[in-house]
Amino acid sequence: MPSYKVGKGYLYFAAYKKHIGFYPVYGVVDMEEEILKYRAKNTKDSLHFKHTEPLPLALIKRIIILKAGNI
């Protein structure tokens, strides 16, 4: 699973048949309302971006910037 070092931690992503997974996404309380529609069922730290929808690049960029300051 590819990962990127962000601050003192890492963000991971993986491609699946129906979505792209983005992990771990926790501690972004200020953005919770925006990311809620992407939150994977029964998880608190992963997002799923469906292949049938445009990838929310601006949102992903904001998460990375926020995590860089928090990790």
Protein backbone atom coordinates (compact mmCIF):
# COMPACT_ATOMS: atom_id res chain seq x y z
CA MET A 1 0.00 0.00 0.00
CA PRO A 2 1.63 3.28 -1.08
CA SER A 3 2.14 5.90 1.60
CA TYR A 4 3.44 9.42 2.02
CA LYS A 5 5.18 10.82 5.06
CA VAL A 6 3.20 13.79 6.35
CA GLY A 7 4.62 15.53 9.38
CA LYS A 8 5.59 12.77 11.82
CA GLY A 9 3.05 10.28 10.43
CA TYR A 10 1.91 8.77 7.16
CA LEU A 11 -1.12 8.88 4.86
CA TYR A 12 -1.86 5.75 2.84
CA PHE A 13 -3.97 5.07 -0.21
CA ALA A 14 -5.07 1.96 -2.04
CA ALA A 15 -7.10 1.19 -5.16
CA TYR A 16 -10.00 -1.26 -4.99
CA LYS A 17 -12.56 -2.48 -7.48
CA LYS A 18 -15.17 0.20 -6.63
CA HIS A 19 -13.23 2.88 -4.75
CA ILE A 20 -9.93 4.41 -3.70
CA GLY A 21 -9.23 4.16 0.02
CA PHE A 22 -7.46 6.97 1.88
CA TYR A 23 -6.07 6.28 5.39
CA PRO A 24 -5.80 7.28 8.21
CA VAL A 25 -8.06 10.29 8.30
CA TYR A 26 -8.83 11.07 11.93
CA GLY A 27 -8.32 14.19 13.97
CA VAL A 28 -9.74 16.47 11.29
CA VAL A 29 -12.67 17.66 13.40
CA ASP A 30 -12.95 20.98 11.53
CA MET A 31 -13.61 19.07 8.29
CA GLU A 32 -15.83 16.28 9.61
CA GLU A 33 -18.97 17.58 7.92
CA GLU A 34 -17.19 17.75 4.54
CA ILE A 35 -15.66 14.29 4.75
CA LEU A 36 -18.70 12.55 6.21
CA LYS A 37 -20.03 11.53 2.79
CA TYR A 38 -16.72 9.78 2.05
CA ARG A 39 -16.34 8.10 5.45
CA ALA A 40 -16.19 4.30 5.10
CA LYS A 41 -18.90 2.38 6.96
CA ASN A 42 -18.08 1.52 10.57
CA THR A 43 -14.71 3.29 10.54
CA LYS A 44 -13.37 6.45 12.06
CA ASP A 45 -10.15 6.74 10.10
CA SER A 46 -10.70 5.86 6.44
CA LEU A 47 -12.32 7.50 3.46
CA HIS A 48 -13.61 5.85 0.29
CA PHE A 49 -13.71 7.74 -2.99
CA LYS A 50 -15.93 5.95 -5.52
CA HIS A 51 -14.59 5.54 -9.05
CA THR A 52 -17.97 6.70 -10.38
CA GLU A 53 -17.52 10.17 -8.83
CA PRO A 54 -14.86 12.84 -9.44
CA LEU A 55 -11.93 12.66 -7.05
CA PRO A 56 -12.24 15.59 -4.58
CA LEU A 57 -8.68 16.84 -5.05
CA ALA A 58 -9.20 20.12 -3.17
CA LEU A 59 -10.53 18.21 -0.16
CA ILE A 60 -7.65 15.73 -0.24
CA LYS A 61 -5.16 18.60 -0.42
CA ARG A 62 -6.77 20.28 2.61
CA ILE A 63 -6.62 17.01 4.57
CA ILE A 64 -2.92 16.63 3.78
CA ILE A 65 -2.17 20.20 4.83
CA LEU A 66 -4.18 19.81 8.04
CA LYS A 67 -2.56 16.47 8.88
CA ALA A 68 0.92 17.90 8.24
CA GLY A 69 0.31 20.40 11.00
CA ASN A 70 -1.31 17.91 13.40
CA ILE A 71 0.87 14.83 13.07
